[in-house]
């Protein structure tokens, strides 16, 4: 299957990380990984907001039952999940896409090492994603490690997308719990005193980002 045929089918099967990683030929690994993370963050299903103080308070948004996903600092390939999916699909194109996924990942080298990162929460909250992007762009202008800095900006794009989607889900749920105002300008008064913490955890290149929304 060509990329134009394969990638939409993988996305339709919920293999967002694999679709982002496998698209394109001759792309450096760090850019493949960044595109994969961005694709997953931009498409993965999010739980409904049900009035809780922490959202999302689970790993369900990052573990979507895919055969390939980003796992800590590694890429996890789960052949059992792939075979289960292959037994459930009903079209030739879906089976061909999963066969292509298996052929790509079954011999892909693993990275058994690990690392730890401690996010600078004060800086994250003070500077926001825009501040991080500006510092990355400034370092990228020096000409060193261009692929790394491009990859970081790609991941930030995915984080922005995920953040926007989370805010939208919170607003949808908040309408249900607090009532939808007739005038959007009244929204803050409707939500007065409610604090929601959006915990945005993306392992690996971005560590853990915390966004505080005063609703």
N, C-alpha and C. Protein backbone atom coordinates (compact mmCIF):
# COMPACT_ATOMS: atom_id res chain seq x y z
N UNK A 1 0.84 -1.20 0.00
CA UNK A 1 0.00 0.00 0.00
C UNK A 1 0.88 1.25 0.00
N UNK A 2 0.44 2.27 -0.74
CA UNK A 2 1.16 3.54 -0.73
C UNK A 2 0.81 4.30 0.54
N UNK A 3 1.62 5.34 0.86
CA UNK A 3 1.33 6.16 2.04
C UNK A 3 -0.06 6.76 1.97
N UNK A 4 -0.44 7.22 0.80
CA UNK A 4 -1.74 7.87 0.67
C UNK A 4 -2.88 6.91 0.96
N UNK A 5 -2.64 5.62 0.77
CA UNK A 5 -3.65 4.61 1.08
C UNK A 5 -3.51 4.10 2.51
N UNK A 6 -2.27 3.91 2.96
CA UNK A 6 -2.00 3.27 4.24
C UNK A 6 -2.33 4.16 5.43
N UNK A 7 -1.87 5.40 5.42
CA UNK A 7 -1.96 6.26 6.60
C UNK A 7 -3.40 6.51 7.02
N UNK A 8 -4.33 6.85 6.11
CA UNK A 8 -5.73 7.05 6.55
C UNK A 8 -6.34 5.79 7.16
N UNK A 9 -5.96 4.62 6.64
CA UNK A 9 -6.52 3.38 7.19
C UNK A 9 -5.99 3.14 8.60
N UNK A 10 -4.69 3.36 8.80
CA UNK A 10 -4.12 3.20 10.14
C UNK A 10 -4.77 4.17 11.13
N UNK A 11 -4.97 5.41 10.70
CA UNK A 11 -5.66 6.36 11.58
C UNK A 11 -7.08 5.89 11.90
N UNK A 12 -7.75 5.34 10.91
CA UNK A 12 -9.10 4.83 11.13
C UNK A 12 -9.14 3.66 12.09
N UNK A 13 -8.03 2.92 12.16
CA UNK A 13 -7.93 1.78 13.06
C UNK A 13 -7.44 2.18 14.45
N UNK A 14 -7.19 3.48 14.65
CA UNK A 14 -6.70 3.96 15.94
C UNK A 14 -5.22 3.79 16.14
N UNK A 15 -4.49 3.47 15.07
CA UNK A 15 -3.03 3.33 15.15
C UNK A 15 -2.38 4.68 14.82
N UNK A 16 -2.63 5.66 15.69
CA UNK A 16 -2.21 7.03 15.41
C UNK A 16 -0.69 7.19 15.46
N UNK A 17 -0.06 6.58 16.45
CA UNK A 17 1.40 6.69 16.56
C UNK A 17 2.06 6.05 15.35
N UNK A 18 1.64 4.84 15.02
CA UNK A 18 2.24 4.14 13.88
C UNK A 18 2.03 4.91 12.59
N UNK A 19 0.84 5.48 12.41
CA UNK A 19 0.56 6.23 11.18
C UNK A 19 1.50 7.42 11.04
N UNK A 20 1.71 8.16 12.14
CA UNK A 20 2.62 9.29 12.08
C UNK A 20 4.06 8.89 11.86
N UNK A 21 4.45 7.77 12.45
CA UNK A 21 5.84 7.31 12.34
C UNK A 21 6.15 6.76 10.97
N UNK A 22 5.20 6.04 10.37
CA UNK A 22 5.46 5.31 9.13
C UNK A 22 5.30 6.16 7.88
N UNK A 23 4.80 7.38 8.02
CA UNK A 23 4.56 8.22 6.86
C UNK A 23 5.86 8.82 6.35
N UNK A 24 6.13 8.64 5.06
CA UNK A 24 7.30 9.25 4.45
C UNK A 24 8.50 8.33 4.44
N UNK A 25 9.33 8.49 3.44
CA UNK A 25 10.55 7.69 3.30
C UNK A 25 11.77 8.55 3.62
N UNK A 26 12.78 7.93 4.24
CA UNK A 26 14.03 8.62 4.49
C UNK A 26 13.96 9.73 5.51
N UNK A 27 12.96 9.70 6.38
CA UNK A 27 12.82 10.73 7.42
C UNK A 27 13.64 10.32 8.64
N UNK A 28 14.45 11.23 9.22
CA UNK A 28 15.22 10.88 10.42
C UNK A 28 14.32 10.38 11.54
N UNK A 29 14.84 9.46 12.33
CA UNK A 29 14.04 8.81 13.37
C UNK A 29 13.45 9.80 14.34
N UNK A 30 14.21 10.82 14.75
CA UNK A 30 13.70 11.77 15.73
C UNK A 30 12.49 12.53 15.17
N UNK A 31 12.48 12.80 13.87
CA UNK A 31 11.34 13.47 13.25
C UNK A 31 10.16 12.52 13.10
N UNK A 32 10.46 11.26 12.79
CA UNK A 32 9.40 10.26 12.73
C UNK A 32 8.69 10.16 14.09
N UNK A 33 9.49 10.07 15.15
CA UNK A 33 8.92 9.94 16.49
C UNK A 33 8.09 11.17 16.84
N UNK A 34 8.59 12.35 16.50
CA UNK A 34 7.86 13.58 16.81
C UNK A 34 6.54 13.65 16.05
N UNK A 35 6.58 13.28 14.78
CA UNK A 35 5.34 13.27 14.00
C UNK A 35 4.35 12.25 14.55
N UNK A 36 4.89 11.13 15.01
CA UNK A 36 4.02 10.10 15.59
C UNK A 36 3.34 10.61 16.86
N UNK A 37 4.11 11.26 17.72
CA UNK A 37 3.54 11.82 18.96
C UNK A 37 2.49 12.87 18.62
N UNK A 38 2.81 13.76 17.69
CA UNK A 38 1.85 14.80 17.31
C UNK A 38 0.56 14.19 16.76
N UNK A 39 0.69 13.18 15.92
CA UNK A 39 -0.49 12.56 15.33
C UNK A 39 -1.36 11.92 16.41
N UNK A 40 -0.70 11.27 17.38
CA UNK A 40 -1.45 10.64 18.46
C UNK A 40 -2.15 11.69 19.32
N UNK A 41 -1.43 12.74 19.71
CA UNK A 41 -2.03 13.76 20.57
C UNK A 41 -3.17 14.49 19.86
N UNK A 42 -3.09 14.59 18.56
CA UNK A 42 -4.10 15.30 17.79
C UNK A 42 -5.35 14.48 17.53
N UNK A 43 -5.25 13.14 17.69
CA UNK A 43 -6.36 12.27 17.29
C UNK A 43 -6.88 11.36 18.39
N UNK A 44 -6.10 11.11 19.43
CA UNK A 44 -6.52 10.11 20.41
C UNK A 44 -7.82 10.52 21.08
N UNK A 45 -8.71 9.58 21.34
CA UNK A 45 -9.98 9.90 21.99
C UNK A 45 -9.76 10.38 23.41
N UNK A 46 -10.58 11.32 23.85
CA UNK A 46 -10.49 11.88 25.20
C UNK A 46 -11.74 11.52 25.99
N UNK A 47 -11.60 11.28 27.28
CA UNK A 47 -12.77 10.97 28.10
C UNK A 47 -13.66 12.20 28.27
N UNK A 48 -14.92 11.97 28.56
CA UNK A 48 -15.83 13.08 28.86
C UNK A 48 -15.42 13.74 30.16
N UNK A 49 -15.65 15.05 30.23
CA UNK A 49 -15.45 15.76 31.49
C UNK A 49 -16.74 15.67 32.30
N UNK A 50 -16.64 15.15 33.52
CA UNK A 50 -17.82 14.90 34.35
C UNK A 50 -17.79 15.69 35.65
N UNK A 51 -17.15 16.86 35.63
CA UNK A 51 -17.15 17.72 36.80
C UNK A 51 -16.03 17.47 37.77
N UNK A 52 -15.10 16.55 37.45
CA UNK A 52 -14.01 16.26 38.37
C UNK A 52 -13.03 17.41 38.44
N UNK A 53 -12.23 17.45 39.51
CA UNK A 53 -11.25 18.52 39.68
C UNK A 53 -10.03 18.30 38.81
N UNK A 54 -9.65 17.04 38.58
CA UNK A 54 -8.51 16.73 37.74
C UNK A 54 -8.99 16.10 36.44
N UNK A 55 -8.48 16.58 35.33
CA UNK A 55 -8.90 16.03 34.04
C UNK A 55 -7.70 15.99 33.09
N UNK A 56 -7.50 14.90 32.38
CA UNK A 56 -8.14 13.59 32.59
C UNK A 56 -7.41 12.84 33.68
N UNK A 57 -8.12 12.27 34.60
CA UNK A 57 -7.49 11.59 35.73
C UNK A 57 -7.37 10.10 35.43
N UNK A 58 -6.68 9.80 34.35
CA UNK A 58 -6.48 8.41 33.95
C UNK A 58 -5.46 8.38 32.83
N UNK A 59 -5.07 7.18 32.46
CA UNK A 59 -4.17 7.01 31.33
C UNK A 59 -4.94 6.64 30.07
N UNK A 60 -6.26 6.68 30.14
CA UNK A 60 -7.05 6.16 29.03
C UNK A 60 -6.84 6.94 27.74
N UNK A 61 -6.51 8.22 27.86
CA UNK A 61 -6.34 9.02 26.66
C UNK A 61 -5.05 8.68 25.92
N UNK A 62 -4.05 8.15 26.63
CA UNK A 62 -2.79 7.83 25.95
C UNK A 62 -2.67 6.35 25.61
N UNK A 63 -3.38 5.48 26.32
CA UNK A 63 -3.38 4.06 25.99
C UNK A 63 -4.71 3.74 25.35
N UNK A 64 -4.74 3.75 24.03
CA UNK A 64 -6.00 3.62 23.29
C UNK A 64 -6.18 2.24 22.68
N UNK A 65 -5.41 1.27 23.15
CA UNK A 65 -5.55 -0.08 22.62
C UNK A 65 -4.84 -0.30 21.31
N UNK A 66 -3.90 0.57 20.98
CA UNK A 66 -3.18 0.43 19.72
C UNK A 66 -2.07 -0.60 19.84
N UNK A 67 -1.67 -1.15 18.71
CA UNK A 67 -0.58 -2.13 18.70
C UNK A 67 0.78 -1.47 18.82
N UNK A 68 0.87 -0.20 18.43
CA UNK A 68 2.12 0.55 18.51
C UNK A 68 1.84 1.86 19.24
N UNK A 69 2.64 2.16 20.24
CA UNK A 69 2.46 3.42 20.94
C UNK A 69 3.77 3.87 21.55
N UNK A 70 3.79 5.13 21.97
CA UNK A 70 4.95 5.67 22.66
C UNK A 70 4.86 5.27 24.11
N UNK A 71 5.89 4.63 24.61
CA UNK A 71 5.87 4.10 25.97
C UNK A 71 7.11 4.59 26.71
N UNK A 72 6.91 5.63 27.54
CA UNK A 72 8.00 6.23 28.31
C UNK A 72 9.02 6.81 27.33
N UNK A 73 10.21 6.24 27.22
CA UNK A 73 11.18 6.74 26.24
C UNK A 73 11.35 5.75 25.09
N UNK A 74 10.44 4.79 25.00
CA UNK A 74 10.55 3.76 23.99
C UNK A 74 9.32 3.74 23.10
N UNK A 75 9.36 2.89 22.12
CA UNK A 75 8.19 2.61 21.29
C UNK A 75 7.76 1.18 21.59
N UNK A 76 6.52 1.02 21.98
CA UNK A 76 6.02 -0.31 22.33
C UNK A 76 5.26 -0.91 21.15
N UNK A 77 5.66 -2.11 20.78
CA UNK A 77 4.94 -2.86 19.75
C UNK A 77 4.35 -4.09 20.41
N UNK A 78 3.05 -4.26 20.28
CA UNK A 78 2.34 -5.36 20.94
C UNK A 78 1.75 -6.28 19.87
N UNK A 79 2.45 -7.36 19.51
CA UNK A 79 1.96 -8.26 18.46
C UNK A 79 0.60 -8.88 18.80
N UNK A 80 0.35 -9.14 20.09
CA UNK A 80 -0.93 -9.75 20.47
C UNK A 80 -2.10 -8.82 20.15
N UNK A 81 -1.91 -7.53 20.43
CA UNK A 81 -2.96 -6.58 20.11
C UNK A 81 -3.18 -6.48 18.60
N UNK A 82 -2.08 -6.54 17.86
CA UNK A 82 -2.21 -6.47 16.41
C UNK A 82 -3.01 -7.66 15.90
N UNK A 83 -2.69 -8.86 16.38
CA UNK A 83 -3.41 -10.05 15.91
C UNK A 83 -4.88 -9.99 16.32
N UNK A 84 -5.15 -9.46 17.51
CA UNK A 84 -6.54 -9.31 17.93
C UNK A 84 -7.29 -8.36 16.99
N UNK A 85 -6.65 -7.25 16.68
CA UNK A 85 -7.27 -6.30 15.75
C UNK A 85 -7.47 -6.92 14.38
N UNK A 86 -6.48 -7.67 13.93
CA UNK A 86 -6.58 -8.26 12.59
C UNK A 86 -7.75 -9.24 12.52
N UNK A 87 -8.03 -9.90 13.65
CA UNK A 87 -9.15 -10.82 13.67
C UNK A 87 -10.51 -10.11 13.72
N UNK A 88 -10.50 -8.83 14.05
CA UNK A 88 -11.75 -8.09 14.19
C UNK A 88 -12.10 -7.25 12.97
N UNK A 89 -11.10 -6.92 12.13
CA UNK A 89 -11.38 -6.05 10.99
C UNK A 89 -12.15 -6.82 9.92
N UNK A 90 -12.82 -6.06 9.05
CA UNK A 90 -13.72 -6.68 8.09
C UNK A 90 -13.39 -6.39 6.63
N UNK A 91 -12.40 -5.50 6.39
CA UNK A 91 -12.11 -5.14 5.01
C UNK A 91 -10.69 -5.55 4.63
N UNK A 92 -10.49 -5.73 3.34
CA UNK A 92 -9.16 -6.09 2.84
C UNK A 92 -8.16 -4.98 3.11
N UNK A 93 -8.57 -3.74 2.93
CA UNK A 93 -7.65 -2.62 3.15
C UNK A 93 -7.20 -2.56 4.60
N UNK A 94 -8.09 -2.87 5.54
CA UNK A 94 -7.70 -2.86 6.95
C UNK A 94 -6.72 -3.99 7.24
N UNK A 95 -6.98 -5.17 6.70
CA UNK A 95 -6.05 -6.28 6.91
C UNK A 95 -4.70 -5.98 6.28
N UNK A 96 -4.70 -5.39 5.09
CA UNK A 96 -3.44 -5.04 4.42
C UNK A 96 -2.67 -4.01 5.23
N UNK A 97 -3.39 -3.05 5.82
CA UNK A 97 -2.72 -2.02 6.62
C UNK A 97 -2.08 -2.62 7.86
N UNK A 98 -2.78 -3.53 8.51
CA UNK A 98 -2.21 -4.18 9.70
C UNK A 98 -1.06 -5.09 9.33
N UNK A 99 -1.11 -5.72 8.16
CA UNK A 99 0.02 -6.52 7.69
C UNK A 99 1.24 -5.62 7.45
N UNK A 100 1.00 -4.44 6.88
CA UNK A 100 2.10 -3.50 6.65
C UNK A 100 2.67 -3.02 7.98
N UNK A 101 1.79 -2.80 8.95
CA UNK A 101 2.25 -2.40 10.28
C UNK A 101 3.13 -3.48 10.89
N UNK A 102 2.68 -4.73 10.80
CA UNK A 102 3.47 -5.84 11.34
C UNK A 102 4.83 -5.94 10.65
N UNK A 103 4.84 -5.84 9.33
CA UNK A 103 6.10 -5.96 8.59
C UNK A 103 7.08 -4.86 8.99
N UNK A 104 6.56 -3.68 9.28
CA UNK A 104 7.44 -2.56 9.65
C UNK A 104 7.98 -2.71 11.07
N UNK A 105 7.11 -3.14 12.01
CA UNK A 105 7.48 -3.06 13.42
C UNK A 105 8.02 -4.35 14.01
N UNK A 106 7.78 -5.49 13.40
CA UNK A 106 8.15 -6.73 14.07
C UNK A 106 9.67 -6.87 14.26
N UNK A 107 10.46 -6.26 13.38
CA UNK A 107 11.91 -6.33 13.52
C UNK A 107 12.52 -4.96 13.83
N UNK A 108 11.67 -3.99 14.19
CA UNK A 108 12.20 -2.66 14.48
C UNK A 108 13.00 -2.72 15.78
N UNK A 109 14.20 -2.16 15.83
CA UNK A 109 15.04 -2.26 17.04
C UNK A 109 14.39 -1.57 18.23
N UNK A 110 14.47 -2.22 19.39
CA UNK A 110 13.92 -1.64 20.61
C UNK A 110 15.00 -0.86 21.35
N UNK A 111 14.55 -0.01 22.26
CA UNK A 111 15.49 0.78 23.07
C UNK A 111 15.23 0.44 24.53
N UNK A 112 16.03 -0.47 25.11
CA UNK A 112 15.73 -0.97 26.46
C UNK A 112 16.13 -0.04 27.59
N UNK A 113 16.74 1.09 27.31
CA UNK A 113 17.18 1.97 28.37
C UNK A 113 16.04 2.88 28.85
N UNK A 114 16.29 3.65 29.87
CA UNK A 114 15.27 4.55 30.40
C UNK A 114 15.95 5.80 30.94
N UNK A 115 15.14 6.80 31.21
CA UNK A 115 15.66 8.03 31.78
C UNK A 115 14.56 8.68 32.61
N UNK A 116 14.90 9.73 33.32
CA UNK A 116 13.92 10.47 34.10
C UNK A 116 14.05 11.95 33.77
N UNK A 117 12.94 12.65 33.78
CA UNK A 117 12.97 14.09 33.59
C UNK A 117 12.06 14.73 34.62
N UNK A 118 12.47 15.86 35.15
CA UNK A 118 11.67 16.59 36.13
C UNK A 118 11.31 17.92 35.50
N UNK A 119 10.06 18.10 35.09
CA UNK A 119 9.67 19.35 34.44
C UNK A 119 9.84 20.54 35.38
N UNK A 120 10.18 21.66 34.80
CA UNK A 120 10.31 22.91 35.54
C UNK A 120 8.92 23.54 35.57
N UNK A 121 8.10 23.11 36.53
CA UNK A 121 6.69 23.52 36.53
C UNK A 121 6.54 25.03 36.60
N UNK A 122 7.37 25.68 37.41
CA UNK A 122 7.27 27.14 37.53
C UNK A 122 7.47 27.80 36.18
N UNK A 123 8.44 27.32 35.43
CA UNK A 123 8.71 27.90 34.11
C UNK A 123 7.58 27.56 33.13
N UNK A 124 7.08 26.33 33.20
CA UNK A 124 5.98 25.95 32.32
C UNK A 124 4.79 26.87 32.52
N UNK A 125 4.42 27.10 33.77
CA UNK A 125 3.27 27.94 34.07
C UNK A 125 3.55 29.41 33.77
N UNK A 126 4.80 29.83 33.97
CA UNK A 126 5.14 31.24 33.75
C UNK A 126 5.25 31.57 32.27
N UNK A 127 5.90 30.68 31.50
CA UNK A 127 6.18 30.97 30.10
C UNK A 127 5.12 30.41 29.16
N UNK A 128 4.51 29.29 29.54
CA UNK A 128 3.56 28.66 28.64
C UNK A 128 4.25 28.03 27.45
N UNK A 129 3.47 27.45 26.55
CA UNK A 129 4.03 26.79 25.38
C UNK A 129 4.71 27.78 24.45
N UNK A 130 4.20 29.02 24.40
CA UNK A 130 4.81 30.03 23.53
C UNK A 130 6.25 30.31 23.96
N UNK A 131 6.48 30.40 25.27
CA UNK A 131 7.83 30.64 25.76
C UNK A 131 8.77 29.50 25.43
N UNK A 132 8.28 28.28 25.56
CA UNK A 132 9.12 27.14 25.20
C UNK A 132 9.44 27.15 23.71
N UNK A 133 8.44 27.45 22.89
CA UNK A 133 8.67 27.48 21.45
C UNK A 133 9.69 28.54 21.08
N UNK A 134 9.63 29.71 21.71
CA UNK A 134 10.58 30.78 21.41
C UNK A 134 12.00 30.36 21.76
N UNK A 135 12.19 29.69 22.90
CA UNK A 135 13.53 29.26 23.28
C UNK A 135 14.05 28.17 22.34
N UNK A 136 13.17 27.26 21.92
CA UNK A 136 13.59 26.23 20.97
C UNK A 136 14.00 26.87 19.65
N UNK A 137 13.20 27.81 19.16
CA UNK A 137 13.50 28.48 17.90
C UNK A 137 14.81 29.26 17.99
N UNK A 138 15.07 29.87 19.14
CA UNK A 138 16.31 30.61 19.31
C UNK A 138 17.51 29.67 19.25
N UNK A 139 17.41 28.52 19.87
CA UNK A 139 18.51 27.57 19.83
C UNK A 139 18.65 26.96 18.44
N UNK A 140 17.53 26.74 17.78
CA UNK A 140 17.59 26.17 16.44
C UNK A 140 18.31 27.09 15.47
N UNK A 141 18.22 28.39 15.70
CA UNK A 141 18.87 29.34 14.80
C UNK A 141 20.39 29.24 14.84
N UNK A 142 20.92 28.55 15.86
CA UNK A 142 22.37 28.38 15.96
C UNK A 142 22.91 27.33 15.01
N UNK A 143 22.03 26.55 14.38
CA UNK A 143 22.46 25.58 13.37
C UNK A 143 22.86 24.23 13.91
N UNK A 144 22.82 24.05 15.24
CA UNK A 144 23.20 22.76 15.82
C UNK A 144 21.96 21.90 16.02
N UNK A 145 22.10 20.61 15.75
CA UNK A 145 21.02 19.62 15.97
C UNK A 145 19.70 20.09 15.39
N UNK A 146 19.65 20.47 14.10
CA UNK A 146 18.40 21.01 13.55
C UNK A 146 17.24 20.04 13.61
N UNK A 147 17.52 18.74 13.44
CA UNK A 147 16.42 17.77 13.48
C UNK A 147 15.80 17.69 14.87
N UNK A 148 16.64 17.79 15.90
CA UNK A 148 16.12 17.73 17.27
C UNK A 148 15.19 18.90 17.55
N UNK A 149 15.62 20.10 17.19
CA UNK A 149 14.80 21.27 17.48
C UNK A 149 13.52 21.28 16.65
N UNK A 150 13.62 20.82 15.41
CA UNK A 150 12.41 20.71 14.60
C UNK A 150 11.45 19.71 15.24
N UNK A 151 12.01 18.61 15.75
CA UNK A 151 11.17 17.59 16.39
C UNK A 151 10.48 18.15 17.63
N UNK A 152 11.20 18.94 18.42
CA UNK A 152 10.59 19.52 19.61
C UNK A 152 9.44 20.45 19.25
N UNK A 153 9.60 21.22 18.19
CA UNK A 153 8.52 22.11 17.76
C UNK A 153 7.32 21.31 17.25
N UNK A 154 7.59 20.19 16.58
CA UNK A 154 6.50 19.34 16.11
C UNK A 154 5.71 18.79 17.31
N UNK A 155 6.43 18.34 18.34
CA UNK A 155 5.76 17.82 19.53
C UNK A 155 4.95 18.93 20.21
N UNK A 156 5.50 20.13 20.27
CA UNK A 156 4.75 21.24 20.86
C UNK A 156 3.46 21.51 20.09
N UNK A 157 3.51 21.38 18.78
CA UNK A 157 2.27 21.52 17.98
C UNK A 157 1.23 20.50 18.44
N UNK A 158 1.68 19.27 18.67
CA UNK A 158 0.76 18.24 19.14
C UNK A 158 0.22 18.54 20.52
N UNK A 159 1.08 19.07 21.40
CA UNK A 159 0.65 19.43 22.75
C UNK A 159 -0.39 20.55 22.69
N UNK A 160 -0.16 21.55 21.82
CA UNK A 160 -1.14 22.63 21.66
C UNK A 160 -2.49 22.06 21.21
N UNK A 161 -2.43 21.14 20.26
CA UNK A 161 -3.66 20.56 19.74
C UNK A 161 -4.39 19.79 20.84
N UNK A 162 -3.64 18.99 21.59
CA UNK A 162 -4.25 18.22 22.68
C UNK A 162 -4.84 19.16 23.73
N UNK A 163 -4.10 20.21 24.07
CA UNK A 163 -4.58 21.16 25.06
C UNK A 163 -5.90 21.78 24.61
N UNK A 164 -5.98 22.18 23.34
CA UNK A 164 -7.21 22.77 22.83
C UNK A 164 -8.37 21.79 22.87
N UNK A 165 -8.09 20.55 22.55
CA UNK A 165 -9.13 19.53 22.59
C UNK A 165 -9.61 19.27 24.02
N UNK A 166 -8.67 19.29 24.98
CA UNK A 166 -9.03 19.10 26.38
C UNK A 166 -9.91 20.24 26.88
N UNK A 167 -9.53 21.46 26.53
CA UNK A 167 -10.32 22.61 26.95
C UNK A 167 -11.74 22.50 26.39
N UNK A 168 -11.84 22.10 25.12
CA UNK A 168 -13.16 21.95 24.51
C UNK A 168 -14.00 20.90 25.23
N UNK A 169 -13.38 19.78 25.62
CA UNK A 169 -14.13 18.74 26.33
C UNK A 169 -14.57 19.22 27.71
N UNK A 170 -13.69 19.98 28.37
CA UNK A 170 -14.06 20.52 29.68
C UNK A 170 -15.23 21.48 29.55
N UNK A 171 -15.20 22.32 28.53
CA UNK A 171 -16.28 23.28 28.34
C UNK A 171 -17.60 22.55 28.03
N UNK A 172 -17.51 21.51 27.19
CA UNK A 172 -18.71 20.74 26.88
C UNK A 172 -19.31 20.13 28.15
N UNK A 173 -18.44 19.53 28.97
CA UNK A 173 -18.93 18.93 30.21
C UNK A 173 -19.40 19.96 31.21
N UNK A 174 -18.69 21.10 31.25
CA UNK A 174 -19.06 22.14 32.21
C UNK A 174 -20.43 22.71 31.88
N UNK A 175 -20.75 22.81 30.59
CA UNK A 175 -22.10 23.25 30.22
C UNK A 175 -23.14 22.32 30.85
N UNK A 176 -22.84 21.03 30.83
CA UNK A 176 -23.78 20.05 31.38
C UNK A 176 -23.93 20.21 32.89
N UNK A 177 -22.80 20.44 33.58
CA UNK A 177 -22.83 20.48 35.03
C UNK A 177 -23.25 21.85 35.59
N UNK A 178 -22.87 22.93 34.87
CA UNK A 178 -23.12 24.26 35.41
C UNK A 178 -24.17 25.04 34.63
N UNK A 179 -24.59 24.51 33.48
CA UNK A 179 -25.57 25.20 32.66
C UNK A 179 -24.89 26.10 31.65
N UNK A 180 -25.45 26.16 30.46
CA UNK A 180 -24.89 26.97 29.39
C UNK A 180 -25.52 28.37 29.42
N UNK A 181 -24.71 29.40 29.56
CA UNK A 181 -25.27 30.75 29.63
C UNK A 181 -25.81 31.20 28.28
N UNK A 182 -26.82 32.05 28.32
CA UNK A 182 -27.36 32.59 27.07
C UNK A 182 -26.34 33.50 26.39
N UNK A 183 -25.60 34.23 27.19
CA UNK A 183 -24.58 35.14 26.67
C UNK A 183 -23.21 34.55 26.99
N UNK A 184 -22.40 34.25 25.96
CA UNK A 184 -21.07 33.68 26.25
C UNK A 184 -20.23 34.53 27.19
N UNK A 185 -20.52 35.84 27.26
CA UNK A 185 -19.77 36.71 28.16
C UNK A 185 -20.03 36.37 29.62
N UNK A 186 -21.14 35.66 29.87
CA UNK A 186 -21.48 35.28 31.24
C UNK A 186 -20.82 33.98 31.67
N UNK A 187 -20.04 33.40 30.77
CA UNK A 187 -19.47 32.07 31.05
C UNK A 187 -18.63 32.06 32.31
N UNK A 188 -17.80 33.11 32.51
CA UNK A 188 -16.94 33.13 33.69
C UNK A 188 -17.74 33.20 34.97
N UNK A 189 -18.86 33.94 34.96
CA UNK A 189 -19.66 34.02 36.17
C UNK A 189 -20.33 32.69 36.48
N UNK A 190 -20.71 31.98 35.43
CA UNK A 190 -21.33 30.67 35.62
C UNK A 190 -20.34 29.71 36.27
N UNK A 191 -19.06 29.83 35.92
CA UNK A 191 -18.05 28.90 36.40
C UNK A 191 -17.27 29.47 37.58
N UNK A 192 -17.71 30.56 38.13
CA UNK A 192 -16.98 31.24 39.19
C UNK A 192 -16.66 30.30 40.34
N UNK A 193 -15.39 30.31 40.72
CA UNK A 193 -14.96 29.53 41.87
C UNK A 193 -14.60 28.09 41.56
N UNK A 194 -14.83 27.65 40.34
CA UNK A 194 -14.50 26.26 40.00
C UNK A 194 -13.10 26.20 39.41
N UNK A 195 -12.25 25.37 39.95
CA UNK A 195 -10.88 25.22 39.46
C UNK A 195 -10.71 23.83 38.87
N UNK A 196 -10.25 23.77 37.66
CA UNK A 196 -10.00 22.49 37.00
C UNK A 196 -8.53 22.43 36.62
N UNK A 197 -7.89 21.35 36.96
CA UNK A 197 -6.50 21.16 36.57
C UNK A 197 -6.47 20.21 35.38
N UNK A 198 -5.90 20.67 34.29
CA UNK A 198 -5.73 19.81 33.13
C UNK A 198 -4.33 19.23 33.20
N UNK A 199 -4.22 17.96 33.48
CA UNK A 199 -2.92 17.30 33.59
C UNK A 199 -2.57 16.71 32.23
N UNK A 200 -1.55 17.26 31.64
CA UNK A 200 -1.18 16.88 30.29
C UNK A 200 0.13 16.11 30.37
N UNK A 201 0.06 14.80 30.31
CA UNK A 201 1.25 13.98 30.48
C UNK A 201 1.62 13.34 29.16
N UNK A 202 2.75 13.73 28.61
CA UNK A 202 3.25 13.11 27.39
C UNK A 202 4.67 12.68 27.66
N UNK A 203 4.91 11.41 27.67
CA UNK A 203 6.20 10.89 28.08
C UNK A 203 7.24 11.05 26.99
N UNK A 204 8.48 11.16 27.40
CA UNK A 204 9.57 11.21 26.44
C UNK A 204 10.01 12.62 26.16
N UNK A 205 9.80 13.07 24.92
CA UNK A 205 10.36 14.35 24.49
C UNK A 205 9.84 15.53 25.29
N UNK A 206 8.60 15.48 25.78
CA UNK A 206 8.02 16.64 26.43
C UNK A 206 7.88 16.52 27.93
N UNK A 207 8.12 15.35 28.49
CA UNK A 207 7.94 15.19 29.92
C UNK A 207 6.48 15.37 30.30
N UNK A 208 6.24 16.08 31.38
CA UNK A 208 4.87 16.28 31.85
C UNK A 208 4.59 17.77 31.94
N UNK A 209 3.51 18.19 31.32
CA UNK A 209 3.12 19.59 31.33
C UNK A 209 1.83 19.73 32.12
N UNK A 210 1.75 20.78 32.92
CA UNK A 210 0.57 21.00 33.75
C UNK A 210 -0.04 22.34 33.38
N UNK A 211 -1.31 22.33 33.01
CA UNK A 211 -2.02 23.55 32.68
C UNK A 211 -3.12 23.75 33.70
N UNK A 212 -3.19 24.93 34.28
CA UNK A 212 -4.21 25.23 35.28
C UNK A 212 -5.26 26.13 34.65
N UNK A 213 -6.50 25.69 34.66
CA UNK A 213 -7.60 26.48 34.13
C UNK A 213 -8.46 26.95 35.29
N UNK A 214 -8.66 28.25 35.39
CA UNK A 214 -9.57 28.78 36.40
C UNK A 214 -10.92 28.96 35.72
N UNK A 215 -11.85 28.13 36.06
CA UNK A 215 -13.15 28.14 35.40
C UNK A 215 -14.17 28.89 36.27
